[in-house]
Amino acid sequence: QVQVVESGGGLVQAGGSLRLSCAASGIIFSASSMGWYRQAPGKERELVATINSIQSANYADSVKGRFTISRDNTKNTVYLQMNSLKPEDTAVYYCRIALSNYWGQGTQVTVSS
């Protein structure tokens, strides 16, 4: 059974940092590309960052230079380090196994001004 579980969200002031974690099970994690997405109230879900099996990462323009995606294959976990957070980063953040319908339940990130 495939499971995707996010953690690490919370409330932070603008300029602060948070690290999100996403643990996946039931897959060959090391061979899987993973992605972080977010959905703000009243907006469509958007891609934030992806990382493939050889650690190559891609980012949305809005987070480049501030967010870093990484993975630890020994822990079947992908991370999203978010620095210099802005109020517009406020959203529910979701983890997804790339090219699949397997999503986590989401974790709320709220950035206060």
PDB file of N, CA and C in Angstrom:
ATOM      1  N   GLN A   1       0.840  -1.189   0.000  1.00  0.00           N
ATOM      2  CA  GLN A   1       0.000   0.000   0.000  1.00  0.00           C
ATOM      3  C   GLN A   1       0.882   1.248   0.000  1.00  0.00           C
ATOM      4  N   VAL A   2       0.584   2.145  -0.928  1.00  0.00           N
ATOM      5  CA  VAL A   2       1.363   3.370  -1.047  1.00  0.00           C
ATOM      6  C   VAL A   2       0.836   4.403  -0.056  1.00  0.00           C
ATOM      7  N   GLN A   3       1.759   5.021   0.658  1.00  0.00           N
ATOM      8  CA  GLN A   3       1.392   6.092   1.579  1.00  0.00           C
ATOM      9  C   GLN A   3       2.351   7.265   1.412  1.00  0.00           C
ATOM     10  N   VAL A   4       1.798   8.463   1.523  1.00  0.00           N
ATOM     11  CA  VAL A   4       2.580   9.697   1.443  1.00  0.00           C
ATOM     12  C   VAL A   4       2.127  10.570   2.604  1.00  0.00           C
ATOM     13  N   VAL A   5       3.064  10.938   3.475  1.00  0.00           N
ATOM     14  CA  VAL A   5       2.709  11.677   4.687  1.00  0.00           C
ATOM     15  C   VAL A   5       3.627  12.885   4.852  1.00  0.00           C
ATOM     16  N   GLU A   6       3.009  14.074   4.859  1.00  0.00           N
ATOM     17  CA  GLU A   6       3.777  15.308   5.058  1.00  0.00           C
ATOM     18  C   GLU A   6       3.768  15.714   6.532  1.00  0.00           C
ATOM     19  N   SER A   7       4.771  16.487   6.893  1.00  0.00           N
ATOM     20  CA  SER A   7       4.825  17.073   8.236  1.00  0.00           C
ATOM     21  C   SER A   7       5.695  18.318   8.192  1.00  0.00           C
ATOM     22  N   GLY A   8       5.596  19.129   9.241  1.00  0.00           N
ATOM     23  CA  GLY A   8       6.501  20.259   9.369  1.00  0.00           C
ATOM     24  C   GLY A   8       5.906  21.630   9.117  1.00  0.00           C
ATOM     25  N   GLY A   9       4.638  21.689   8.775  1.00  0.00           N
ATOM     26  CA  GLY A   9       4.034  22.995   8.559  1.00  0.00           C
ATOM     27  C   GLY A   9       3.851  23.747   9.860  1.00  0.00           C
ATOM     28  N   GLY A  10       3.406  25.000   9.738  1.00  0.00           N
ATOM     29  CA  GLY A  10       3.171  25.793  10.934  1.00  0.00           C
ATOM     30  C   GLY A  10       3.035  27.253  10.614  1.00  0.00           C
ATOM     31  N   LEU A  11       3.086  28.060  11.661  1.00  0.00           N
ATOM     32  CA  LEU A  11       2.967  29.513  11.546  1.00  0.00           C
ATOM     33  C   LEU A  11       4.343  30.129  11.760  1.00  0.00           C
ATOM     34  N   VAL A  12       4.722  31.023  10.862  1.00  0.00           N
ATOM     35  CA  VAL A  12       6.029  31.664  10.947  1.00  0.00           C
ATOM     36  C   VAL A  12       5.896  33.110  10.491  1.00  0.00           C
ATOM     37  N   GLN A  13       6.745  33.960  11.012  1.00  0.00           N
ATOM     38  CA  GLN A  13       6.746  35.351  10.581  1.00  0.00           C
ATOM     39  C   GLN A  13       7.469  35.499   9.253  1.00  0.00           C
ATOM     40  N   ALA A  14       7.120  36.517   8.521  1.00  0.00           N
ATOM     41  CA  ALA A  14       7.791  36.815   7.261  1.00  0.00           C
ATOM     42  C   ALA A  14       9.302  36.917   7.503  1.00  0.00           C
ATOM     43  N   GLY A  15      10.056  36.322   6.574  1.00  0.00           N
ATOM     44  CA  GLY A  15      11.507  36.272   6.710  1.00  0.00           C
ATOM     45  C   GLY A  15      12.017  35.041   7.423  1.00  0.00           C
ATOM     46  N   GLY A  16      11.108  34.295   8.005  1.00  0.00           N
ATOM     47  CA  GLY A  16      11.489  33.099   8.742  1.00  0.00           C
ATOM     48  C   GLY A  16      11.660  31.882   7.848  1.00  0.00           C
ATOM     49  N   SER A  17      11.890  30.733   8.501  1.00  0.00           N
ATOM     50  CA  SER A  17      12.148  29.493   7.783  1.00  0.00           C
ATOM     51  C   SER A  17      11.305  28.350   8.344  1.00  0.00           C
ATOM     52  N   LEU A  18      11.034  27.388   7.494  1.00  0.00           N
ATOM     53  CA  LEU A  18      10.394  26.132   7.879  1.00  0.00           C
ATOM     54  C   LEU A  18      10.975  25.026   7.018  1.00  0.00           C
ATOM     55  N   ARG A  19      10.964  23.818   7.547  1.00  0.00           N
ATOM     56  CA  ARG A  19      11.338  22.654   6.750  1.00  0.00           C
ATOM     57  C   ARG A  19      10.199  21.650   6.768  1.00  0.00           C
ATOM     58  N   LEU A  20       9.732  21.323   5.574  1.00  0.00           N
ATOM     59  CA  LEU A  20       8.696  20.312   5.426  1.00  0.00           C
ATOM     60  C   LEU A  20       9.339  18.966   5.121  1.00  0.00           C
ATOM     61  N   SER A  21       8.706  17.915   5.604  1.00  0.00           N
ATOM     62  CA  SER A  21       9.159  16.559   5.331  1.00  0.00           C
ATOM     63  C   SER A  21       8.027  15.766   4.701  1.00  0.00           C
ATOM     64  N   CYS A  22       8.410  14.811   3.865  1.00  0.00           N
ATOM     65  CA  CYS A  22       7.415  13.941   3.222  1.00  0.00           C
ATOM     66  C   CYS A  22       7.979  12.533   3.194  1.00  0.00           C
ATOM     67  N   ALA A  23       7.324  11.647   3.922  1.00  0.00           N
ATOM     68  CA  ALA A  23       7.743  10.256   3.960  1.00  0.00           C
ATOM     69  C   ALA A  23       6.839   9.426   3.054  1.00  0.00           C
ATOM     70  N   ALA A  24       7.447   8.659   2.179  1.00  0.00           N
ATOM     71  CA  ALA A  24       6.693   7.821   1.254  1.00  0.00           C
ATOM     72  C   ALA A  24       7.015   6.355   1.506  1.00  0.00           C
ATOM     73  N   SER A  25       6.017   5.510   1.391  1.00  0.00           N
ATOM     74  CA  SER A  25       6.216   4.076   1.572  1.00  0.00           C
ATOM     75  C   SER A  25       5.405   3.319   0.520  1.00  0.00           C
ATOM     76  N   GLY A  26       5.770   2.062   0.324  1.00  0.00           N
ATOM     77  CA  GLY A  26       5.059   1.249  -0.643  1.00  0.00           C
ATOM     78  C   GLY A  26       5.535   1.423  -2.068  1.00  0.00           C
ATOM     79  N   ILE A  27       6.661   2.146  -2.237  1.00  0.00           N
ATOM     80  CA  ILE A  27       7.231   2.367  -3.560  1.00  0.00           C
ATOM     81  C   ILE A  27       8.735   2.142  -3.496  1.00  0.00           C
ATOM     82  N   ILE A  28       9.349   2.065  -4.678  1.00  0.00           N
ATOM     83  CA  ILE A  28      10.810   2.048  -4.734  1.00  0.00           C
ATOM     84  C   ILE A  28      11.234   3.510  -4.705  1.00  0.00           C
ATOM     85  N   PHE A  29      11.411   4.023  -3.504  1.00  0.00           N
ATOM     86  CA  PHE A  29      11.578   5.460  -3.333  1.00  0.00           C
ATOM     87  C   PHE A  29      12.777   5.992  -4.106  1.00  0.00           C
ATOM     88  N   SER A  30      13.871   5.294  -4.064  1.00  0.00           N
ATOM     89  CA  SER A  30      15.096   5.801  -4.690  1.00  0.00           C
ATOM     90  C   SER A  30      14.953   5.986  -6.191  1.00  0.00           C
ATOM     91  N   ALA A  31      14.020   5.294  -6.793  1.00  0.00           N
ATOM     92  CA  ALA A  31      13.811   5.381  -8.246  1.00  0.00           C
ATOM     93  C   ALA A  31      12.703   6.351  -8.616  1.00  0.00           C
ATOM     94  N   SER A  32      12.078   6.956  -7.615  1.00  0.00           N
ATOM     95  CA  SER A  32      10.900   7.782  -7.842  1.00  0.00           C
ATOM     96  C   SER A  32      11.235   9.265  -7.790  1.00  0.00           C
ATOM     97  N   SER A  33      10.706  10.004  -8.757  1.00  0.00           N
ATOM     98  CA  SER A  33      10.737  11.456  -8.666  1.00  0.00           C
ATOM     99  C   SER A  33       9.636  11.900  -7.717  1.00  0.00           C
ATOM    100  N   MET A  34       9.914  12.982  -6.998  1.00  0.00           N
ATOM    101  CA  MET A  34       8.966  13.490  -6.009  1.00  0.00           C
ATOM    102  C   MET A  34       8.759  14.978  -6.238  1.00  0.00           C
ATOM    103  N   GLY A  35       7.582  15.450  -5.824  1.00  0.00           N
ATOM    104  CA  GLY A  35       7.299  16.861  -6.007  1.00  0.00           C
ATOM    105  C   GLY A  35       6.555  17.468  -4.832  1.00  0.00           C
ATOM    106  N   TRP A  36       6.796  18.751  -4.628  1.00  0.00           N
ATOM    107  CA  TRP A  36       6.040  19.552  -3.665  1.00  0.00           C
ATOM    108  C   TRP A  36       5.141  20.513  -4.441  1.00  0.00           C
ATOM    109  N   TYR A  37       3.921  20.614  -3.998  1.00  0.00           N
ATOM    110  CA  TYR A  37       2.932  21.508  -4.584  1.00  0.00           C
ATOM    111  C   TYR A  37       2.317  22.334  -3.446  1.00  0.00           C
ATOM    112  N   ARG A  38       1.626  23.399  -3.835  1.00  0.00           N
ATOM    113  CA  ARG A  38       0.920  24.178  -2.826  1.00  0.00           C
ATOM    114  C   ARG A  38      -0.371  24.733  -3.411  1.00  0.00           C
ATOM    115  N   GLN A  39      -1.313  24.974  -2.509  1.00  0.00           N
ATOM    116  CA  GLN A  39      -2.592  25.553  -2.913  1.00  0.00           C
ATOM    117  C   GLN A  39      -2.993  26.589  -1.888  1.00  0.00           C
ATOM    118  N   ALA A  40      -3.071  27.824  -2.350  1.00  0.00           N
ATOM    119  CA  ALA A  40      -3.516  28.925  -1.508  1.00  0.00           C
ATOM    120  C   ALA A  40      -5.028  29.073  -1.622  1.00  0.00           C
ATOM    121  N   PRO A  41      -5.672  29.683  -0.644  1.00  0.00           N
ATOM    122  CA  PRO A  41      -7.129  29.845  -0.698  1.00  0.00           C
ATOM    123  C   PRO A  41      -7.568  30.560  -1.954  1.00  0.00           C
ATOM    124  N   GLY A  42      -8.523  29.971  -2.655  1.00  0.00           N
ATOM    125  CA  GLY A  42      -9.074  30.585  -3.853  1.00  0.00           C
ATOM    126  C   GLY A  42      -8.209  30.456  -5.085  1.00  0.00           C
ATOM    127  N   LYS A  43      -7.109  29.711  -4.961  1.00  0.00           N
ATOM    128  CA  LYS A  43      -6.201  29.560  -6.100  1.00  0.00           C
ATOM    129  C   LYS A  43      -6.046  28.089  -6.471  1.00  0.00           C
ATOM    130  N   GLU A  44      -5.558  27.861  -7.681  1.00  0.00           N
ATOM    131  CA  GLU A  44      -5.316  26.491  -8.110  1.00  0.00           C
ATOM    132  C   GLU A  44      -4.022  25.959  -7.475  1.00  0.00           C
ATOM    133  N   ARG A  45      -3.963  24.642  -7.393  1.00  0.00           N
ATOM    134  CA  ARG A  45      -2.752  24.015  -6.890  1.00  0.00           C
ATOM    135  C   ARG A  45      -1.616  24.252  -7.896  1.00  0.00           C
ATOM    136  N   GLU A  46      -0.436  24.589  -7.378  1.00  0.00           N
ATOM    137  CA  GLU A  46       0.690  24.868  -8.256  1.00  0.00           C
ATOM    138  C   GLU A  46       1.923  24.080  -7.835  1.00  0.00           C
ATOM    139  N   LEU A  47       2.768  23.808  -8.815  1.00  0.00           N
ATOM    140  CA  LEU A  47       4.005  23.100  -8.553  1.00  0.00           C
ATOM    141  C   LEU A  47       5.006  24.037  -7.890  1.00  0.00           C
ATOM    142  N   VAL A  48       5.661  23.548  -6.855  1.00  0.00           N
ATOM    143  CA  VAL A  48       6.674  24.331  -6.154  1.00  0.00           C
ATOM    144  C   VAL A  48       8.075  23.854  -6.533  1.00  0.00           C
ATOM    145  N   ALA A  49       8.292  22.546  -6.420  1.00  0.00           N
ATOM    146  CA  ALA A  49       9.624  22.009  -6.698  1.00  0.00           C
ATOM    147  C   ALA A  49       9.526  20.514  -6.955  1.00  0.00           C
ATOM    148  N   THR A  50      10.470  20.007  -7.742  1.00  0.00           N
ATOM    149  CA  THR A  50      10.559  18.576  -7.982  1.00  0.00           C
ATOM    150  C   THR A  50      12.010  18.131  -7.845  1.00  0.00           C
ATOM    151  N   ILE A  51      12.159  16.854  -7.547  1.00  0.00           N
ATOM    152  CA  ILE A  51      13.497  16.262  -7.492  1.00  0.00           C
ATOM    153  C   ILE A  51      13.410  14.854  -8.056  1.00  0.00           C
ATOM    154  N   ASN A  52      14.355  14.513  -8.929  1.00  0.00           N
ATOM    155  CA  ASN A  52      14.294  13.186  -9.527  1.00  0.00           C
ATOM    156  C   ASN A  52      15.254  12.224  -8.823  1.00  0.00           C
ATOM    157  N   SER A  53      15.371  11.038  -9.392  1.00  0.00           N
ATOM    158  CA  SER A  53      16.144   9.974  -8.736  1.00  0.00           C
ATOM    159  C   SER A  53      17.634  10.252  -8.690  1.00  0.00           C
ATOM    160  N   ILE A  54      18.107  11.178  -9.541  1.00  0.00           N
ATOM    161  CA  ILE A  54      19.538  11.496  -9.521  1.00  0.00           C
ATOM    162  C   ILE A  54      19.774  12.871  -8.890  1.00  0.00           C
ATOM    163  N   GLN A  55      18.797  13.289  -8.059  1.00  0.00           N
ATOM    164  CA  GLN A  55      18.936  14.507  -7.258  1.00  0.00           C
ATOM    165  C   GLN A  55      18.884  15.796  -8.065  1.00  0.00           C
ATOM    166  N   SER A  56      18.411  15.721  -9.297  1.00  0.00           N
ATOM    167  CA  SER A  56      18.242  16.935 -10.083  1.00  0.00           C
ATOM    168  C   SER A  56      16.939  17.619  -9.676  1.00  0.00           C
ATOM    169  N   ALA A  57      17.025  18.911  -9.376  1.00  0.00           N
ATOM    170  CA  ALA A  57      15.869  19.633  -8.861  1.00  0.00           C
ATOM    171  C   ALA A  57      15.430  20.740  -9.807  1.00  0.00           C
ATOM    172  N   ASN A  58      14.130  21.028  -9.754  1.00  0.00           N
ATOM    173  CA  ASN A  58      13.562  22.158 -10.494  1.00  0.00           C
ATOM    174  C   ASN A  58      12.635  22.921  -9.566  1.00  0.00           C
ATOM    175  N   TYR A  59      12.530  24.232  -9.798  1.00  0.00           N
ATOM    176  CA  TYR A  59      11.756  25.095  -8.914  1.00  0.00           C
ATOM    177  C   TYR A  59      10.861  26.035  -9.701  1.00  0.00           C
ATOM    178  N   ALA A  60       9.737  26.384  -9.092  1.00  0.00           N
ATOM    179  CA  ALA A  60       8.930  27.461  -9.624  1.00  0.00           C
ATOM    180  C   ALA A  60       9.703  28.770  -9.476  1.00  0.00           C
ATOM    181  N   ASP A  61       9.493  29.678 -10.421  1.00  0.00           N
ATOM    182  CA  ASP A  61      10.219  30.949 -10.374  1.00  0.00           C
ATOM    183  C   ASP A  61       9.983  31.693  -9.063  1.00  0.00           C
ATOM    184  N   SER A  62       8.803  31.548  -8.523  1.00  0.00           N
ATOM    185  CA  SER A  62       8.435  32.301  -7.325  1.00  0.00           C
ATOM    186  C   SER A  62       9.218  31.868  -6.076  1.00  0.00           C
ATOM    187  N   VAL A  63       9.846  30.687  -6.115  1.00  0.00           N
ATOM    188  CA  VAL A  63      10.559  30.200  -4.923  1.00  0.00           C
ATOM    189  C   VAL A  63      12.049  30.003  -5.163  1.00  0.00           C
ATOM    190  N   LYS A  64      12.502  30.214  -6.380  1.00  0.00           N
ATOM    191  CA  LYS A  64      13.928  30.025  -6.686  1.00  0.00           C
ATOM    192  C   LYS A  64      14.790  30.913  -5.797  1.00  0.00           C
ATOM    193  N   GLY A  65      15.844  30.323  -5.270  1.00  0.00           N
ATOM    194  CA  GLY A  65      16.750  31.057  -4.396  1.00  0.00           C
ATOM    195  C   GLY A  65      16.310  31.104  -2.947  1.00  0.00           C
ATOM    196  N   ARG A  66      15.070  30.689  -2.670  1.00  0.00           N
ATOM    197  CA  ARG A  66      14.560  30.714  -1.287  1.00  0.00           C
ATOM    198  C   ARG A  66      14.264  29.304  -0.772  1.00  0.00           C
ATOM    199  N   PHE A  67      13.776  28.437  -1.642  1.00  0.00           N
ATOM    200  CA  PHE A  67      13.407  27.080  -1.258  1.00  0.00           C
ATOM    201  C   PHE A  67      14.425  26.097  -1.820  1.00  0.00           C
ATOM    202  N   THR A  68      14.630  25.010  -1.069  1.00  0.00           N
ATOM    203  CA  THR A  68      15.516  23.940  -1.518  1.00  0.00           C
ATOM    204  C   THR A  68      14.847  22.593  -1.280  1.00  0.00           C
ATOM    205  N   ILE A  69      14.733  21.813  -2.342  1.00  0.00           N
ATOM    206  CA  ILE A  69      14.195  20.457  -2.222  1.00  0.00           C
ATOM    207  C   ILE A  69      15.366  19.488  -2.137  1.00  0.00           C
ATOM    208  N   SER A  70      15.223  18.482  -1.291  1.00  0.00           N
ATOM    209  CA  SER A  70      16.267  17.473  -1.144  1.00  0.00           C
ATOM    210  C   SER A  70      15.622  16.145  -0.779  1.00  0.00           C
ATOM    211  N   ARG A  71      16.409  15.092  -0.821  1.00  0.00           N
ATOM    212  CA  ARG A  71      15.865  13.772  -0.490  1.00  0.00           C
ATOM    213  C   ARG A  71      16.900  12.956   0.248  1.00  0.00           C
ATOM    214  N   ASP A  72      16.404  12.051   1.100  1.00  0.00           N
ATOM    215  CA  ASP A  72      17.242  11.090   1.798  1.00  0.00           C
ATOM    216  C   ASP A  72      16.664   9.713   1.493  1.00  0.00           C
ATOM    217  N   ASN A  73      17.304   9.004   0.587  1.00  0.00           N
ATOM    218  CA  ASN A  73      16.770   7.709   0.169  1.00  0.00           C
ATOM    219  C   ASN A  73      16.868   6.658   1.270  1.00  0.00           C
ATOM    220  N   THR A  74      17.739   6.877   2.253  1.00  0.00           N
ATOM    221  CA  THR A  74      17.830   5.920   3.358  1.00  0.00           C
ATOM    222  C   THR A  74      16.620   6.025   4.286  1.00  0.00           C
ATOM    223  N   LYS A  75      15.932   7.166   4.219  1.00  0.00           N
ATOM    224  CA  LYS A  75      14.752   7.387   5.056  1.00  0.00           C
ATOM    225  C   LYS A  75      13.466   7.474   4.241  1.00  0.00           C
ATOM    226  N   ASN A  76      13.562   7.259   2.922  1.00  0.00           N
ATOM    227  CA  ASN A  76      12.385   7.368   2.045  1.00  0.00           C
ATOM    228  C   ASN A  76      11.666   8.703   2.264  1.00  0.00           C
ATOM    229  N   THR A  77      12.444   9.761   2.364  1.00  0.00           N
ATOM    230  CA  THR A  77      11.894  11.065   2.717  1.00  0.00           C
ATOM    231  C   THR A  77      12.420  12.149   1.784  1.00  0.00           C
ATOM    232  N   VAL A  78      11.530  13.056   1.415  1.00  0.00           N
ATOM    233  CA  VAL A  78      11.902  14.241   0.656  1.00  0.00           C
ATOM    234  C   VAL A  78      11.594  15.456   1.528  1.00  0.00           C
ATOM    235  N   TYR A  79      12.439  16.461   1.415  1.00  0.00           N
ATOM    236  CA  TYR A  79      12.325  17.654   2.248  1.00  0.00           C
ATOM    237  C   TYR A  79      12.127  18.892   1.391  1.00  0.00           C
ATOM    238  N   LEU A  80      11.546  19.916   1.993  1.00  0.00           N
ATOM    239  CA  LEU A  80      11.464  21.231   1.370  1.00  0.00           C
ATOM    240  C   LEU A  80      11.896  22.242   2.427  1.00  0.00           C
ATOM    241  N   GLN A  81      13.095  22.763   2.259  1.00  0.00           N
ATOM    242  CA  GLN A  81      13.593  23.815   3.133  1.00  0.00           C
ATOM    243  C   GLN A  81      13.146  25.149   2.579  1.00  0.00           C
ATOM    244  N   MET A  82      12.399  25.896   3.380  1.00  0.00           N
ATOM    245  CA  MET A  82      11.841  27.160   2.934  1.00  0.00           C
ATOM    246  C   MET A  82      12.424  28.292   3.765  1.00  0.00           C
ATOM    247  N   ASN A  83      13.162  29.160   3.111  1.00  0.00           N
ATOM    248  CA  ASN A  83      13.790  30.307   3.774  1.00  0.00           C
ATOM    249  C   ASN A  83      13.197  31.604   3.233  1.00  0.00           C
ATOM    250  N   SER A  84      13.439  32.680   3.950  1.00  0.00           N
ATOM    251  CA  SER A  84      12.955  34.004   3.533  1.00  0.00           C
ATOM    252  C   SER A  84      11.484  33.951   3.155  1.00  0.00           C
ATOM    253  N   LEU A  85      10.701  33.350   3.997  1.00  0.00           N
ATOM    254  CA  LEU A  85       9.284  33.162   3.697  1.00  0.00           C
ATOM    255  C   LEU A  85       8.541  34.486   3.611  1.00  0.00           C
ATOM    256  N   LYS A  86       7.570  34.513   2.714  1.00  0.00           N
ATOM    257  CA  LYS A  86       6.755  35.692   2.467  1.00  0.00           C
ATOM    258  C   LYS A  86       5.289  35.354   2.751  1.00  0.00           C
ATOM    259  N   PRO A  87       4.480  36.350   3.045  1.00  0.00           N
ATOM    260  CA  PRO A  87       3.048  36.075   3.264  1.00  0.00           C
ATOM    261  C   PRO A  87       2.402  35.351   2.073  1.00  0.00           C
ATOM    262  N   GLU A  88       2.874  35.628   0.874  1.00  0.00           N
ATOM    263  CA  GLU A  88       2.296  34.966  -0.293  1.00  0.00           C
ATOM    264  C   GLU A  88       2.684  33.494  -0.415  1.00  0.00           C
ATOM    265  N   ASP A  89       3.550  33.018   0.447  1.00  0.00           N
ATOM    266  CA  ASP A  89       3.859  31.589   0.505  1.00  0.00           C
ATOM    267  C   ASP A  89       2.819  30.819   1.327  1.00  0.00           C
ATOM    268  N   THR A  90       1.919  31.531   1.958  1.00  0.00           N
ATOM    269  CA  THR A  90       0.879  30.884   2.755  1.00  0.00           C
ATOM    270  C   THR A  90       0.024  29.985   1.876  1.00  0.00           C
ATOM    271  N   ALA A  91      -0.074  28.724   2.254  1.00  0.00           N
ATOM    272  CA  ALA A  91      -0.805  27.743   1.458  1.00  0.00           C
ATOM    273  C   ALA A  91      -0.792  26.403   2.188  1.00  0.00           C
ATOM    274  N   VAL A  92      -1.583  25.480   1.681  1.00  0.00           N
ATOM    275  CA  VAL A  92      -1.432  24.084   2.072  1.00  0.00           C
ATOM    276  C   VAL A  92      -0.414  23.461   1.118  1.00  0.00           C
ATOM    277  N   TYR A  93       0.586  22.827   1.676  1.00  0.00           N
ATOM    278  CA  TYR A  93       1.652  22.224   0.883  1.00  0.00           C
ATOM    279  C   TYR A  93       1.438  20.716   0.816  1.00  0.00           C
ATOM    280  N   TYR A  94       1.520  20.208  -0.406  1.00  0.00           N
ATOM    281  CA  TYR A  94       1.290  18.792  -0.658  1.00  0.00           C
ATOM    282  C   TYR A  94       2.532  18.154  -1.274  1.00  0.00           C
ATOM    283  N   CYS A  95       2.725  16.916  -0.921  1.00  0.00           N
ATOM    284  CA  CYS A  95       3.786  16.098  -1.517  1.00  0.00           C
ATOM    285  C   CYS A  95       3.133  15.091  -2.454  1.00  0.00           C
ATOM    286  N   ARG A  96       3.806  14.820  -3.536  1.00  0.00           N
ATOM    287  CA  ARG A  96       3.248  13.896  -4.526  1.00  0.00           C
ATOM    288  C   ARG A  96       4.353  13.027  -5.098  1.00  0.00           C
ATOM    289  N   ILE A  97       4.025  11.763  -5.320  1.00  0.00           N
ATOM    290  CA  ILE A  97       4.907  10.891  -6.084  1.00  0.00           C
ATOM    291  C   ILE A  97       4.690  11.262  -7.551  1.00  0.00           C
ATOM    292  N   ALA A  98       5.750  11.670  -8.213  1.00  0.00           N
ATOM    293  CA  ALA A  98       5.613  12.194  -9.567  1.00  0.00           C
ATOM    294  C   ALA A  98       4.922  11.206 -10.506  1.00  0.00           C
ATOM    295  N   LEU A  99       4.141  11.755 -11.396  1.00  0.00           N
ATOM    296  CA  LEU A  99       3.442  10.984 -12.430  1.00  0.00           C
ATOM    297  C   LEU A  99       2.509   9.934 -11.822  1.00  0.00           C
ATOM    298  N   SER A 100       1.942  10.256 -10.678  1.00  0.00           N
ATOM    299  CA  SER A 100       1.014   9.331 -10.030  1.00  0.00           C
ATOM    300  C   SER A 100      -0.122  10.113  -9.402  1.00  0.00           C
ATOM    301  N   ASN A 101      -1.092   9.390  -8.897  1.00  0.00           N
ATOM    302  CA  ASN A 101      -2.187  10.013  -8.158  1.00  0.00           C
ATOM    303  C   ASN A 101      -1.997   9.886  -6.656  1.00  0.00           C
ATOM    304  N   TYR A 102      -0.780   9.608  -6.245  1.00  0.00           N
ATOM    305  CA  TYR A 102      -0.504   9.463  -4.820  1.00  0.00           C
ATOM    306  C   TYR A 102      -0.027  10.801  -4.251  1.00  0.00           C
ATOM    307  N   TRP A 103      -0.894  11.365  -3.413  1.00  0.00           N
ATOM    308  CA  TRP A 103      -0.641  12.645  -2.761  1.00  0.00           C
ATOM    309  C   TRP A 103      -0.711  12.458  -1.251  1.00  0.00           C
ATOM    310  N   GLY A 104      -0.011  13.333  -0.560  1.00  0.00           N
ATOM    311  CA  GLY A 104      -0.178  13.385   0.875  1.00  0.00           C
ATOM    312  C   GLY A 104      -1.433  14.171   1.236  1.00  0.00           C
ATOM    313  N   GLN A 105      -1.680  14.252   2.538  1.00  0.00           N
ATOM    314  CA  GLN A 105      -2.880  14.922   3.014  1.00  0.00           C
ATOM    315  C   GLN A 105      -2.720  16.432   3.081  1.00  0.00           C
ATOM    316  N   GLY A 106      -1.500  16.901   2.969  1.00  0.00           N
ATOM    317  CA  GLY A 106      -1.221  18.332   3.005  1.00  0.00           C
ATOM    318  C   GLY A 106      -0.840  18.812   4.392  1.00  0.00           C
ATOM    319  N   THR A 107      -0.036  19.861   4.421  1.00  0.00           N
ATOM    320  CA  THR A 107       0.350  20.498   5.673  1.00  0.00           C
ATOM    321  C   THR A 107       0.265  22.016   5.495  1.00  0.00           C
ATOM    322  N   GLN A 108      -0.342  22.672   6.462  1.00  0.00           N
ATOM    323  CA  GLN A 108      -0.586  24.116   6.345  1.00  0.00           C
ATOM    324  C   GLN A 108       0.671  24.905   6.701  1.00  0.00           C
ATOM    325  N   VAL A 109       0.990  25.854   5.832  1.00  0.00           N
ATOM    326  CA  VAL A 109       2.054  26.823   6.103  1.00  0.00           C
ATOM    327  C   VAL A 109       1.426  28.209   6.088  1.00  0.00           C
ATOM    328  N   THR A 110       1.582  28.927   7.167  1.00  0.00           N
ATOM    329  CA  THR A 110       1.042  30.273   7.281  1.00  0.00           C
ATOM    330  C   THR A 110       2.179  31.230   7.616  1.00  0.00           C
ATOM    331  N   VAL A 111       2.326  32.264   6.785  1.00  0.00           N
ATOM    332  CA  VAL A 111       3.384  33.254   6.984  1.00  0.00           C
ATOM    333  C   VAL A 111       2.719  34.586   7.310  1.00  0.00           C
ATOM    334  N   SER A 112       2.998  35.094   8.482  1.00  0.00           N
ATOM    335  CA  SER A 112       2.393  36.351   8.912  1.00  0.00           C
ATOM    336  C   SER A 112       3.306  37.525   8.559  1.00  0.00           C
ATOM    337  N   SER A 113       2.664  38.644   8.267  1.00  0.00           N
ATOM    338  CA  SER A 113       3.449  39.834   7.876  1.00  0.00           C
ATOM    339  C   SER A 113       3.809  40.680   9.094  1.00  0.00           C
TER     340      SER A 113
END
